[in-house]
Amino acid sequence: MVNIKTLMIISLAVMLTGCQDMIVNPAASNLNAEDFEATWERVNTVYPYLAYKQIDWDSLYTVYKPRAEGARGDEIYTLLIELLGELKDRHVYVKTDGGEYISTYSPRRWLKDKYAYDPVVVRNYFDKELRITGEGRIEYEIIQGNIGYIHMATFDDDYLLNYFSEALEYVKNTKALILDIRHNNGGSYQNLVAVVSRFITSPLEKPEFYVLGELIPLEPFEPQGDFQYIYPVVVLINGVCYSTGDIFPEVMKQISTVTLVGDTTGGGSSGSTSSAPAEYELPSGKRIFVGTTDWRGYDGLPLEWVGCPPDIRVEQTESDIKAGIDKQLAYSIDLLKQ
């Protein structure tokens, strides 16, 4: 039988081993200065908007380098967030060891419109429950007056590729349609194509697209699907539309049957591709996300910071929503009833 003294020795050895694992060796594990250098260099090499935003990245190096050299432990996270925040780009993230993605910036229009939309208030304008598909990402129904309504909460994953046709089939005999993308933060370019292709009857040129500064030739949008929706369309937008949520209305605006209503989108046109990923591993194993691509508007200028303005601006506030009023949706309904 193992005696008490032996058990105590074994327990002490286990405790010491556990403590040894918890001890941080500053000389071996503090790579904060190296992480700073790698972050600065990554931005300097791949970020598309340093000149466009008139950011003096070299001078920022001299400001942040001493702080990085003096940073201890997790202080480097604060420094990286502040450094990358100088880019003023919501596509730029820091990923924590726990897997959390920390955005380094929120655009002014995003903050303004953050509480100026609520899907619950939208339901006040229907006399029946909205139909739902795409695992809740797409809602649709027909408003009184034979006006179709489709809300697309995201361009992520394959929801629109797989489910948009279902919603469009349901509203295909309406006299007009509202596509509501308010608060859509973007996602897959393929989803954008899946939607745009249902509203054109001939090829439509795509806006310019750059990867690491190189202009990439793109084939035009082509009509796709069982039918094309050719009746009047309103696309509802606001300042929380971002990324693909900026590009989609910019493209739809080129279609003669489409009118943009609401407020200017957030203005985020950087992104990434599989060949030029945004995710980048630092020497310590921490990860940052910095855009490598640049979508332009049809005027040839970046959508970054600028966003896509509506054809008809209808401002909406948090107070409107608290009062149960969706001015942007109400205006769109009245417009399409004419």
C-alpha atoms as a PDB file:
ATOM      1  CA  MET A   1       0.000   0.000   0.000  1.00  0.00           C
ATOM      2  CA  VAL A   2       1.288   3.461  -0.861  1.00  0.00           C
ATOM      3  CA  ASN A   3       1.859   5.407   2.341  1.00  0.00           C
ATOM      4  CA  ILE A   4       0.804   8.997   2.972  1.00  0.00           C
ATOM      5  CA  LYS A   5       4.362  10.308   2.644  1.00  0.00           C
ATOM      6  CA  THR A   6       4.688   8.801  -0.850  1.00  0.00           C
ATOM      7  CA  LEU A   7       1.353  10.324  -1.905  1.00  0.00           C
ATOM      8  CA  MET A   8       2.445  13.735  -0.672  1.00  0.00           C
ATOM      9  CA  ILE A   9       5.680  13.523  -2.691  1.00  0.00           C
ATOM     10  CA  ILE A  10       3.790  12.503  -5.836  1.00  0.00           C
ATOM     11  CA  SER A  11       1.230  15.304  -5.351  1.00  0.00           C
ATOM     12  CA  LEU A  12       3.995  17.850  -4.846  1.00  0.00           C
ATOM     13  CA  ALA A  13       5.725  16.700  -8.031  1.00  0.00           C
ATOM     14  CA  VAL A  14       2.500  17.057 -10.005  1.00  0.00           C
ATOM     15  CA  MET A  15       1.916  20.537  -8.579  1.00  0.00           C
ATOM     16  CA  LEU A  16       5.429  21.639  -9.448  1.00  0.00           C
ATOM     17  CA  THR A  17       5.068  20.269 -12.976  1.00  0.00           C
ATOM     18  CA  GLY A  18       1.795  22.184 -13.391  1.00  0.00           C
ATOM     19  CA  CYS A  19       3.349  25.358 -12.065  1.00  0.00           C
ATOM     20  CA  GLN A  20       6.282  24.954 -14.425  1.00  0.00           C
ATOM     21  CA  ASP A  21       3.814  24.925 -17.333  1.00  0.00           C
ATOM     22  CA  MET A  22       2.228  28.132 -16.061  1.00  0.00           C
ATOM     23  CA  ILE A  23       5.506  30.021 -15.628  1.00  0.00           C
ATOM     24  CA  VAL A  24       6.186  32.387 -18.497  1.00  0.00           C
ATOM     25  CA  ASN A  25       9.769  32.800 -19.499  1.00  0.00           C
ATOM     26  CA  PRO A  26       9.985  36.434 -20.592  1.00  0.00           C
ATOM     27  CA  ALA A  27      13.166  35.924 -22.601  1.00  0.00           C
ATOM     28  CA  ALA A  28      11.705  33.063 -24.611  1.00  0.00           C
ATOM     29  CA  SER A  29       8.044  34.000 -24.925  1.00  0.00           C
ATOM     30  CA  ASN A  30       7.910  37.811 -25.144  1.00  0.00           C
ATOM     31  CA  LEU A  31       7.777  38.378 -28.882  1.00  0.00           C
ATOM     32  CA  ASN A  32       5.912  41.649 -28.627  1.00  0.00           C
ATOM     33  CA  ALA A  33       8.539  43.667 -30.488  1.00  0.00           C
ATOM     34  CA  GLU A  34       8.680  41.028 -33.207  1.00  0.00           C
ATOM     35  CA  ASP A  35       4.878  41.002 -33.471  1.00  0.00           C
ATOM     36  CA  PHE A  36       4.887  44.761 -33.896  1.00  0.00           C
ATOM     37  CA  GLU A  37       7.533  44.610 -36.619  1.00  0.00           C
ATOM     38  CA  ALA A  38       5.645  41.876 -38.476  1.00  0.00           C
ATOM     39  CA  THR A  39       2.353  43.765 -38.226  1.00  0.00           C
ATOM     40  CA  TRP A  40       3.853  47.012 -39.494  1.00  0.00           C
ATOM     41  CA  GLU A  41       5.571  45.230 -42.376  1.00  0.00           C
ATOM     42  CA  ARG A  42       2.449  43.265 -43.327  1.00  0.00           C
ATOM     43  CA  VAL A  43       0.382  46.435 -43.602  1.00  0.00           C
ATOM     44  CA  ASN A  44       3.158  48.211 -45.465  1.00  0.00           C
ATOM     45  CA  THR A  45       3.340  45.355 -47.976  1.00  0.00           C
ATOM     46  CA  VAL A  46      -0.293  44.425 -48.677  1.00  0.00           C
ATOM     47  CA  TYR A  47      -2.711  47.128 -47.505  1.00  0.00           C
ATOM     48  CA  PRO A  48      -4.224  48.893 -50.546  1.00  0.00           C
ATOM     49  CA  TYR A  49      -5.194  52.275 -49.084  1.00  0.00           C
ATOM     50  CA  LEU A  50      -2.162  53.802 -47.360  1.00  0.00           C
ATOM     51  CA  ALA A  51      -1.676  56.401 -50.096  1.00  0.00           C
ATOM     52  CA  TYR A  52      -5.419  56.860 -50.683  1.00  0.00           C
ATOM     53  CA  LYS A  53      -5.965  57.621 -46.982  1.00  0.00           C
ATOM     54  CA  GLN A  54      -2.767  59.689 -46.789  1.00  0.00           C
ATOM     55  CA  ILE A  55      -1.474  57.632 -43.868  1.00  0.00           C
ATOM     56  CA  ASP A  56       2.186  58.247 -43.034  1.00  0.00           C
ATOM     57  CA  TRP A  57       2.915  54.657 -42.062  1.00  0.00           C
ATOM     58  CA  ASP A  58       6.634  55.314 -41.617  1.00  0.00           C
ATOM     59  CA  SER A  59       6.034  57.970 -38.996  1.00  0.00           C
ATOM     60  CA  LEU A  60       3.642  55.711 -37.132  1.00  0.00           C
ATOM     61  CA  TYR A  61       6.435  53.145 -36.939  1.00  0.00           C
ATOM     62  CA  THR A  62       8.531  55.552 -34.890  1.00  0.00           C
ATOM     63  CA  VAL A  63       5.571  56.324 -32.615  1.00  0.00           C
ATOM     64  CA  TYR A  64       4.626  52.727 -31.834  1.00  0.00           C
ATOM     65  CA  LYS A  65       8.023  50.973 -31.852  1.00  0.00           C
ATOM     66  CA  PRO A  66       9.123  52.178 -28.371  1.00  0.00           C
ATOM     67  CA  ARG A  67       5.745  51.142 -26.945  1.00  0.00           C
ATOM     68  CA  ALA A  68       6.097  47.692 -28.505  1.00  0.00           C
ATOM     69  CA  GLU A  69       9.576  47.264 -27.038  1.00  0.00           C
ATOM     70  CA  GLY A  70       8.230  48.174 -23.604  1.00  0.00           C
ATOM     71  CA  ALA A  71       5.036  46.116 -23.825  1.00  0.00           C
ATOM     72  CA  ARG A  72       4.646  43.235 -21.415  1.00  0.00           C
ATOM     73  CA  GLY A  73       2.335  40.288 -21.822  1.00  0.00           C
ATOM     74  CA  ASP A  74      -1.070  41.074 -23.263  1.00  0.00           C
ATOM     75  CA  GLU A  75      -0.287  44.786 -23.484  1.00  0.00           C
ATOM     76  CA  ILE A  76       0.674  44.029 -27.067  1.00  0.00           C
ATOM     77  CA  TYR A  77      -3.006  43.486 -27.924  1.00  0.00           C
ATOM     78  CA  THR A  78      -3.830  47.071 -26.995  1.00  0.00           C
ATOM     79  CA  LEU A  79      -0.904  48.316 -29.041  1.00  0.00           C
ATOM     80  CA  LEU A  80      -1.820  46.246 -32.120  1.00  0.00           C
ATOM     81  CA  ILE A  81      -5.443  47.359 -31.946  1.00  0.00           C
ATOM     82  CA  GLU A  82      -4.389  50.999 -31.736  1.00  0.00           C
ATOM     83  CA  LEU A  83      -1.786  50.655 -34.505  1.00  0.00           C
ATOM     84  CA  LEU A  84      -4.184  48.914 -36.883  1.00  0.00           C
ATOM     85  CA  GLY A  85      -6.904  51.339 -35.845  1.00  0.00           C
ATOM     86  CA  GLU A  86      -4.870  54.042 -37.591  1.00  0.00           C
ATOM     87  CA  LEU A  87      -6.053  52.461 -40.860  1.00  0.00           C
ATOM     88  CA  LYS A  88      -9.671  53.258 -39.992  1.00  0.00           C
ATOM     89  CA  ASP A  89     -10.883  50.116 -41.722  1.00  0.00           C
ATOM     90  CA  ARG A  90     -13.496  47.799 -40.243  1.00  0.00           C
ATOM     91  CA  HIS A  91     -12.058  44.936 -42.289  1.00  0.00           C
ATOM     92  CA  VAL A  92      -8.959  45.017 -40.066  1.00  0.00           C
ATOM     93  CA  TYR A  93      -9.065  42.711 -37.039  1.00  0.00           C
ATOM     94  CA  VAL A  94      -6.939  41.310 -34.258  1.00  0.00           C
ATOM     95  CA  LYS A  95      -7.658  37.744 -33.164  1.00  0.00           C
ATOM     96  CA  THR A  96      -7.115  36.928 -29.492  1.00  0.00           C
ATOM     97  CA  ASP A  97      -5.695  33.684 -28.153  1.00  0.00           C
ATOM     98  CA  GLY A  98      -9.241  32.837 -27.119  1.00  0.00           C
ATOM     99  CA  GLY A  99     -10.471  33.073 -30.704  1.00  0.00           C
ATOM    100  CA  GLU A 100     -12.256  36.421 -30.391  1.00  0.00           C
ATOM    101  CA  TYR A 101     -12.114  38.791 -33.360  1.00  0.00           C
ATOM    102  CA  ILE A 102     -11.600  42.399 -32.267  1.00  0.00           C
ATOM    103  CA  SER A 103     -12.481  45.039 -34.824  1.00  0.00           C
ATOM    104  CA  THR A 104     -10.105  47.971 -34.785  1.00  0.00           C
ATOM    105  CA  TYR A 105     -12.517  50.575 -36.155  1.00  0.00           C
ATOM    106  CA  SER A 106     -16.211  51.366 -36.630  1.00  0.00           C
ATOM    107  CA  PRO A 107     -17.164  53.885 -39.349  1.00  0.00           C
ATOM    108  CA  ARG A 108     -19.112  56.969 -38.347  1.00  0.00           C
ATOM    109  CA  ARG A 109     -22.098  56.003 -40.504  1.00  0.00           C
ATOM    110  CA  TRP A 110     -22.085  52.530 -38.957  1.00  0.00           C
ATOM    111  CA  LEU A 111     -22.358  54.028 -35.477  1.00  0.00           C
ATOM    112  CA  LYS A 112     -25.033  56.488 -36.608  1.00  0.00           C
ATOM    113  CA  ASP A 113     -27.300  53.796 -38.054  1.00  0.00           C
ATOM    114  CA  LYS A 114     -26.503  50.961 -35.665  1.00  0.00           C
ATOM    115  CA  TYR A 115     -29.840  51.274 -33.867  1.00  0.00           C
ATOM    116  CA  ALA A 116     -31.801  52.860 -36.725  1.00  0.00           C
ATOM    117  CA  TYR A 117     -33.162  49.569 -38.033  1.00  0.00           C
ATOM    118  CA  ASP A 118     -35.020  46.698 -36.383  1.00  0.00           C
ATOM    119  CA  PRO A 119     -36.531  43.659 -38.148  1.00  0.00           C
ATOM    120  CA  VAL A 120     -39.238  43.582 -35.496  1.00  0.00           C
ATOM    121  CA  VAL A 121     -40.429  47.041 -36.591  1.00  0.00           C
ATOM    122  CA  VAL A 122     -40.387  45.900 -40.224  1.00  0.00           C
ATOM    123  CA  ARG A 123     -43.106  43.398 -39.324  1.00  0.00           C
ATOM    124  CA  ASN A 124     -45.469  46.275 -38.527  1.00  0.00           C
ATOM    125  CA  TYR A 125     -45.852  46.770 -42.288  1.00  0.00           C
ATOM    126  CA  PHE A 126     -47.126  43.256 -43.002  1.00  0.00           C
ATOM    127  CA  ASP A 127     -50.475  41.664 -42.274  1.00  0.00           C
ATOM    128  CA  LYS A 128     -48.937  38.192 -42.070  1.00  0.00           C
ATOM    129  CA  GLU A 129     -45.789  36.523 -40.796  1.00  0.00           C
ATOM    130  CA  LEU A 130     -42.752  36.792 -43.038  1.00  0.00           C
ATOM    131  CA  ARG A 131     -41.578  33.590 -44.665  1.00  0.00           C
ATOM    132  CA  ILE A 132     -38.070  32.502 -43.719  1.00  0.00           C
ATOM    133  CA  THR A 133     -35.447  30.505 -45.583  1.00  0.00           C
ATOM    134  CA  GLY A 134     -31.670  30.187 -45.704  1.00  0.00           C
ATOM    135  CA  GLU A 135     -31.466  29.257 -42.026  1.00  0.00           C
ATOM    136  CA  GLY A 136     -33.100  32.546 -41.090  1.00  0.00           C
ATOM    137  CA  ARG A 137     -30.884  34.749 -43.247  1.00  0.00           C
ATOM    138  CA  ILE A 138     -33.573  35.491 -45.841  1.00  0.00           C
ATOM    139  CA  GLU A 139     -37.091  36.756 -45.044  1.00  0.00           C
ATOM    140  CA  TYR A 140     -39.730  37.445 -47.673  1.00  0.00           C
ATOM    141  CA  GLU A 141     -43.417  38.143 -48.221  1.00  0.00           C
ATOM    142  CA  ILE A 142     -45.797  40.249 -50.309  1.00  0.00           C
ATOM    143  CA  ILE A 143     -46.967  43.609 -48.989  1.00  0.00           C
ATOM    144  CA  GLN A 144     -50.467  44.904 -49.631  1.00  0.00           C
ATOM    145  CA  GLY A 145     -50.528  46.414 -53.116  1.00  0.00           C
ATOM    146  CA  ASN A 146     -48.713  43.425 -54.626  1.00  0.00           C
ATOM    147  CA  ILE A 147     -45.235  44.624 -53.671  1.00  0.00           C
ATOM    148  CA  GLY A 148     -42.679  41.934 -52.947  1.00  0.00           C
ATOM    149  CA  TYR A 149     -40.233  42.180 -50.078  1.00  0.00           C
ATOM    150  CA  ILE A 150     -37.005  40.235 -49.534  1.00  0.00           C
ATOM    151  CA  HIS A 151     -34.624  40.932 -46.677  1.00  0.00           C
ATOM    152  CA  MET A 152     -31.073  39.565 -47.030  1.00  0.00           C
ATOM    153  CA  ALA A 153     -29.324  39.671 -43.670  1.00  0.00           C
ATOM    154  CA  THR A 154     -25.907  38.631 -44.994  1.00  0.00           C
ATOM    155  CA  PHE A 155     -23.905  37.697 -48.052  1.00  0.00           C
ATOM    156  CA  ASP A 156     -22.011  35.090 -46.020  1.00  0.00           C
ATOM    157  CA  ASP A 157     -21.575  31.424 -46.876  1.00  0.00           C
ATOM    158  CA  ASP A 158     -23.876  30.071 -49.609  1.00  0.00           C
ATOM    159  CA  TYR A 159     -27.250  31.270 -48.344  1.00  0.00           C
ATOM    160  CA  LEU A 160     -28.122  33.394 -51.362  1.00  0.00           C
ATOM    161  CA  LEU A 161     -26.600  30.968 -53.839  1.00  0.00           C
ATOM    162  CA  ASN A 162     -28.814  28.235 -52.439  1.00  0.00           C
ATOM    163  CA  TYR A 163     -31.955  30.015 -51.249  1.00  0.00           C
ATOM    164  CA  PHE A 164     -32.456  33.364 -53.017  1.00  0.00           C
ATOM    165  CA  SER A 165     -34.237  31.691 -55.928  1.00  0.00           C
ATOM    166  CA  GLU A 166     -36.849  30.354 -53.519  1.00  0.00           C
ATOM    167  CA  ALA A 167     -37.684  33.850 -52.292  1.00  0.00           C
ATOM    168  CA  LEU A 168     -37.631  35.381 -55.772  1.00  0.00           C
ATOM    169  CA  GLU A 169     -39.907  32.644 -57.128  1.00  0.00           C
ATOM    170  CA  TYR A 170     -42.459  33.526 -54.467  1.00  0.00           C
ATOM    171  CA  VAL A 171     -42.546  37.238 -55.447  1.00  0.00           C
ATOM    172  CA  LYS A 172     -42.060  36.854 -59.210  1.00  0.00           C
ATOM    173  CA  ASN A 173     -45.609  37.995 -60.078  1.00  0.00           C
ATOM    174  CA  THR A 174     -45.488  41.166 -57.979  1.00  0.00           C
ATOM    175  CA  LYS A 175     -45.614  44.568 -59.662  1.00  0.00           C
ATOM    176  CA  ALA A 176     -42.530  45.792 -57.768  1.00  0.00           C
ATOM    177  CA  LEU A 177     -39.984  44.535 -55.254  1.00  0.00           C
ATOM    178  CA  ILE A 178     -38.096  45.793 -52.213  1.00  0.00           C
ATOM    179  CA  LEU A 179     -34.666  44.249 -51.594  1.00  0.00           C
ATOM    180  CA  ASP A 180     -33.751  45.153 -48.028  1.00  0.00           C
ATOM    181  CA  ILE A 181     -30.053  44.768 -47.207  1.00  0.00           C
ATOM    182  CA  ARG A 182     -29.935  47.135 -44.238  1.00  0.00           C
ATOM    183  CA  HIS A 183     -27.448  45.941 -41.613  1.00  0.00           C
ATOM    184  CA  ASN A 184     -25.914  43.499 -44.102  1.00  0.00           C
ATOM    185  CA  ASN A 185     -22.199  43.428 -43.248  1.00  0.00           C
ATOM    186  CA  GLY A 186     -21.163  41.660 -46.433  1.00  0.00           C
ATOM    187  CA  GLY A 187     -19.734  38.255 -47.245  1.00  0.00           C
ATOM    188  CA  SER A 188     -19.183  36.206 -50.377  1.00  0.00           C
ATOM    189  CA  TYR A 189     -18.805  37.751 -53.819  1.00  0.00           C
ATOM    190  CA  GLN A 190     -20.498  34.646 -55.277  1.00  0.00           C
ATOM    191  CA  ASN A 191     -23.672  35.519 -53.384  1.00  0.00           C
ATOM    192  CA  LEU A 192     -23.628  38.996 -54.893  1.00  0.00           C
ATOM    193  CA  VAL A 193     -23.421  37.463 -58.359  1.00  0.00           C
ATOM    194  CA  ALA A 194     -26.285  35.091 -57.571  1.00  0.00           C
ATOM    195  CA  VAL A 195     -28.602  38.022 -56.806  1.00  0.00           C
ATOM    196  CA  VAL A 196     -27.490  40.578 -59.409  1.00  0.00           C
ATOM    197  CA  SER A 197     -27.814  38.016 -62.199  1.00  0.00           C
ATOM    198  CA  ARG A 198     -31.556  37.743 -61.587  1.00  0.00           C
ATOM    199  CA  PHE A 199     -32.219  41.422 -62.370  1.00  0.00           C
ATOM    200  CA  ILE A 200     -30.335  41.920 -65.641  1.00  0.00           C
ATOM    201  CA  THR A 201     -31.383  40.965 -69.158  1.00  0.00           C
ATOM    202  CA  SER A 202     -28.005  41.562 -70.801  1.00  0.00           C
ATOM    203  CA  PRO A 203     -24.359  41.480 -69.682  1.00  0.00           C
ATOM    204  CA  LEU A 204     -23.356  44.101 -67.113  1.00  0.00           C
ATOM    205  CA  GLU A 205     -19.739  45.138 -66.674  1.00  0.00           C
ATOM    206  CA  LYS A 206     -18.280  44.585 -63.222  1.00  0.00           C
ATOM    207  CA  PRO A 207     -16.515  47.348 -61.296  1.00  0.00           C
ATOM    208  CA  GLU A 208     -12.717  47.314 -61.133  1.00  0.00           C
ATOM    209  CA  PHE A 209     -11.111  44.862 -58.713  1.00  0.00           C
ATOM    210  CA  TYR A 210      -7.475  44.940 -57.575  1.00  0.00           C
ATOM    211  CA  VAL A 211      -5.479  42.280 -55.727  1.00  0.00           C
ATOM    212  CA  LEU A 212      -2.215  43.471 -54.169  1.00  0.00           C
ATOM    213  CA  GLY A 213      -2.385  46.483 -56.474  1.00  0.00           C
ATOM    214  CA  GLU A 214      -2.899  44.481 -59.661  1.00  0.00           C
ATOM    215  CA  LEU A 215      -6.057  45.028 -61.732  1.00  0.00           C
ATOM    216  CA  ILE A 216      -7.811  41.679 -62.179  1.00  0.00           C
ATOM    217  CA  PRO A 217      -9.854  41.215 -65.379  1.00  0.00           C
ATOM    218  CA  LEU A 218     -13.404  40.130 -64.553  1.00  0.00           C
ATOM    219  CA  GLU A 219     -16.036  38.724 -66.858  1.00  0.00           C
ATOM    220  CA  PRO A 220     -19.322  40.713 -66.932  1.00  0.00           C
ATOM    221  CA  PHE A 221     -22.355  39.733 -64.901  1.00  0.00           C
ATOM    222  CA  GLU A 222     -24.624  37.541 -67.023  1.00  0.00           C
ATOM    223  CA  PRO A 223     -28.367  36.859 -66.663  1.00  0.00           C
ATOM    224  CA  GLN A 224     -28.969  33.614 -64.791  1.00  0.00           C
ATOM    225  CA  GLY A 225     -31.868  31.636 -63.400  1.00  0.00           C
ATOM    226  CA  ASP A 226     -35.295  30.524 -64.587  1.00  0.00           C
ATOM    227  CA  PHE A 227     -36.493  34.102 -65.110  1.00  0.00           C
ATOM    228  CA  GLN A 228     -35.356  37.708 -64.756  1.00  0.00           C
ATOM    229  CA  TYR A 229     -37.237  40.113 -62.509  1.00  0.00           C
ATOM    230  CA  ILE A 230     -37.834  43.139 -64.780  1.00  0.00           C
ATOM    231  CA  TYR A 231     -40.201  45.247 -62.678  1.00  0.00           C
ATOM    232  CA  PRO A 232     -39.275  48.239 -60.474  1.00  0.00           C
ATOM    233  CA  VAL A 233     -36.961  47.441 -57.576  1.00  0.00           C
ATOM    234  CA  VAL A 234     -36.016  49.448 -54.494  1.00  0.00           C
ATOM    235  CA  VAL A 235     -32.821  48.459 -52.672  1.00  0.00           C
ATOM    236  CA  LEU A 236     -32.920  49.612 -49.050  1.00  0.00           C
ATOM    237  CA  ILE A 237     -29.516  50.551 -47.603  1.00  0.00           C
ATOM    238  CA  ASN A 238     -28.018  52.199 -44.527  1.00  0.00           C
ATOM    239  CA  GLY A 239     -24.682  52.887 -42.858  1.00  0.00           C
ATOM    240  CA  VAL A 240     -24.341  49.375 -41.436  1.00  0.00           C
ATOM    241  CA  CYS A 241     -24.217  47.901 -44.945  1.00  0.00           C
ATOM    242  CA  TYR A 242     -20.537  47.156 -45.384  1.00  0.00           C
ATOM    243  CA  SER A 243     -18.096  45.325 -47.644  1.00  0.00           C
ATOM    244  CA  THR A 244     -20.214  43.308 -50.097  1.00  0.00           C
ATOM    245  CA  GLY A 245     -23.015  45.386 -48.582  1.00  0.00           C
ATOM    246  CA  ASP A 246     -21.307  48.390 -50.229  1.00  0.00           C
ATOM    247  CA  ILE A 247     -20.554  46.710 -53.543  1.00  0.00           C
ATOM    248  CA  PHE A 248     -23.987  45.146 -54.101  1.00  0.00           C
ATOM    249  CA  PRO A 249     -25.955  48.436 -54.182  1.00  0.00           C
ATOM    250  CA  GLU A 250     -23.218  50.039 -56.286  1.00  0.00           C
ATOM    251  CA  VAL A 251     -23.762  47.308 -58.883  1.00  0.00           C
ATOM    252  CA  MET A 252     -27.562  47.308 -58.632  1.00  0.00           C
ATOM    253  CA  LYS A 253     -27.537  51.076 -59.130  1.00  0.00           C
ATOM    254  CA  GLN A 254     -26.404  50.479 -62.720  1.00  0.00           C
ATOM    255  CA  ILE A 255     -29.683  48.680 -63.549  1.00  0.00           C
ATOM    256  CA  SER A 256     -32.358  50.994 -64.969  1.00  0.00           C
ATOM    257  CA  THR A 257     -35.214  49.440 -62.961  1.00  0.00           C
ATOM    258  CA  VAL A 258     -33.438  49.883 -59.602  1.00  0.00           C
ATOM    259  CA  THR A 259     -33.644  52.796 -57.127  1.00  0.00           C
ATOM    260  CA  LEU A 260     -31.559  52.964 -53.945  1.00  0.00           C
ATOM    261  CA  VAL A 261     -33.416  54.312 -50.914  1.00  0.00           C
ATOM    262  CA  GLY A 262     -32.152  54.944 -47.380  1.00  0.00           C
ATOM    263  CA  ASP A 263     -28.748  56.258 -46.377  1.00  0.00           C
ATOM    264  CA  THR A 264     -25.154  55.937 -47.571  1.00  0.00           C
ATOM    265  CA  THR A 265     -23.482  52.602 -46.864  1.00  0.00           C
ATOM    266  CA  GLY A 266     -20.598  52.199 -44.423  1.00  0.00           C
ATOM    267  CA  GLY A 267     -17.749  52.383 -46.937  1.00  0.00           C
ATOM    268  CA  GLY A 268     -15.588  49.268 -46.723  1.00  0.00           C
ATOM    269  CA  SER A 269     -14.116  47.954 -49.952  1.00  0.00           C
ATOM    270  CA  SER A 270     -10.983  46.108 -48.917  1.00  0.00           C
ATOM    271  CA  GLY A 271     -11.118  42.342 -48.708  1.00  0.00           C
ATOM    272  CA  SER A 272      -9.116  39.250 -49.565  1.00  0.00           C
ATOM    273  CA  THR A 273      -8.846  36.234 -51.836  1.00  0.00           C
ATOM    274  CA  SER A 274      -7.588  32.710 -51.324  1.00  0.00           C
ATOM    275  CA  SER A 275      -4.352  33.685 -53.080  1.00  0.00           C
ATOM    276  CA  ALA A 276      -3.982  36.880 -51.033  1.00  0.00           C
ATOM    277  CA  PRO A 277      -5.556  36.111 -47.648  1.00  0.00           C
ATOM    278  CA  ALA A 278      -6.276  38.746 -45.033  1.00  0.00           C
ATOM    279  CA  GLU A 279      -5.308  36.463 -42.157  1.00  0.00           C
ATOM    280  CA  TYR A 280      -1.663  36.654 -41.138  1.00  0.00           C
ATOM    281  CA  GLU A 281       0.172  34.862 -38.351  1.00  0.00           C
ATOM    282  CA  LEU A 282       2.604  36.881 -36.242  1.00  0.00           C
ATOM    283  CA  PRO A 283       5.832  35.428 -34.779  1.00  0.00           C
ATOM    284  CA  SER A 284       4.131  34.723 -31.434  1.00  0.00           C
ATOM    285  CA  GLY A 285       1.249  32.863 -33.100  1.00  0.00           C
ATOM    286  CA  LYS A 286      -1.183  35.747 -32.703  1.00  0.00           C
ATOM    287  CA  ARG A 287      -3.187  36.563 -35.821  1.00  0.00           C
ATOM    288  CA  ILE A 288      -4.212  39.761 -37.546  1.00  0.00           C
ATOM    289  CA  PHE A 289      -6.500  40.381 -40.506  1.00  0.00           C
ATOM    290  CA  VAL A 290      -5.539  43.061 -43.026  1.00  0.00           C
ATOM    291  CA  GLY A 291      -7.260  43.482 -46.400  1.00  0.00           C
ATOM    292  CA  THR A 292      -5.301  42.814 -49.579  1.00  0.00           C
ATOM    293  CA  THR A 293      -7.891  43.698 -52.234  1.00  0.00           C
ATOM    294  CA  ASP A 294      -9.582  46.855 -53.460  1.00  0.00           C
ATOM    295  CA  TRP A 295     -13.057  47.090 -55.013  1.00  0.00           C
ATOM    296  CA  ARG A 296     -13.801  50.275 -56.905  1.00  0.00           C
ATOM    297  CA  GLY A 297     -17.044  52.023 -57.733  1.00  0.00           C
ATOM    298  CA  TYR A 298     -18.101  52.462 -61.343  1.00  0.00           C
ATOM    299  CA  ASP A 299     -16.453  55.891 -61.257  1.00  0.00           C
ATOM    300  CA  GLY A 300     -13.102  54.124 -60.792  1.00  0.00           C
ATOM    301  CA  LEU A 301     -12.629  55.381 -57.217  1.00  0.00           C
ATOM    302  CA  PRO A 302     -12.456  53.206 -54.089  1.00  0.00           C
ATOM    303  CA  LEU A 303     -15.673  52.659 -52.154  1.00  0.00           C
ATOM    304  CA  GLU A 304     -13.525  52.694 -49.017  1.00  0.00           C
ATOM    305  CA  TRP A 305     -14.710  55.438 -46.634  1.00  0.00           C
ATOM    306  CA  VAL A 306     -17.061  56.789 -49.355  1.00  0.00           C
ATOM    307  CA  GLY A 307     -19.679  54.047 -49.485  1.00  0.00           C
ATOM    308  CA  CYS A 308     -22.570  53.900 -51.909  1.00  0.00           C
ATOM    309  CA  PRO A 309     -25.014  56.839 -51.632  1.00  0.00           C
ATOM    310  CA  PRO A 310     -28.759  56.311 -52.176  1.00  0.00           C
ATOM    311  CA  ASP A 311     -30.678  57.765 -55.093  1.00  0.00           C
ATOM    312  CA  ILE A 312     -33.226  58.988 -52.547  1.00  0.00           C
ATOM    313  CA  ARG A 313     -31.985  59.737 -49.040  1.00  0.00           C
ATOM    314  CA  VAL A 314     -34.419  58.926 -46.250  1.00  0.00           C
ATOM    315  CA  GLU A 315     -32.752  59.366 -42.886  1.00  0.00           C
ATOM    316  CA  GLN A 316     -33.911  57.193 -40.029  1.00  0.00           C
ATOM    317  CA  THR A 317     -33.054  57.374 -36.343  1.00  0.00           C
ATOM    318  CA  GLU A 318     -33.160  55.219 -33.253  1.00  0.00           C
ATOM    319  CA  SER A 319     -36.094  57.371 -32.070  1.00  0.00           C
ATOM    320  CA  ASP A 320     -38.087  56.378 -35.156  1.00  0.00           C
ATOM    321  CA  ILE A 321     -37.469  52.716 -34.420  1.00  0.00           C
ATOM    322  CA  LYS A 322     -38.432  53.099 -30.758  1.00  0.00           C
ATOM    323  CA  ALA A 323     -41.686  54.657 -31.960  1.00  0.00           C
ATOM    324  CA  GLY A 324     -42.302  51.604 -34.152  1.00  0.00           C
ATOM    325  CA  ILE A 325     -41.748  53.551 -37.398  1.00  0.00           C
ATOM    326  CA  ASP A 326     -39.581  52.476 -40.333  1.00  0.00           C
ATOM    327  CA  LYS A 327     -39.480  55.613 -42.484  1.00  0.00           C
ATOM    328  CA  GLN A 328     -37.263  54.042 -45.121  1.00  0.00           C
ATOM    329  CA  LEU A 329     -39.527  51.056 -45.677  1.00  0.00           C
ATOM    330  CA  ALA A 330     -42.680  53.189 -45.584  1.00  0.00           C
ATOM    331  CA  TYR A 331     -41.249  55.571 -48.187  1.00  0.00           C
ATOM    332  CA  SER A 332     -40.284  52.660 -50.432  1.00  0.00           C
ATOM    333  CA  ILE A 333     -43.766  51.167 -50.262  1.00  0.00           C
ATOM    334  CA  ASP A 334     -45.380  54.492 -51.158  1.00  0.00           C
ATOM    335  CA  LEU A 335     -42.899  55.019 -53.985  1.00  0.00           C
ATOM    336  CA  LEU A 336     -43.634  51.640 -55.551  1.00  0.00           C
ATOM    337  CA  LYS A 337     -47.409  52.006 -55.193  1.00  0.00           C
ATOM    338  CA  GLN A 338     -47.371  55.012 -57.528  1.00  0.00           C
END
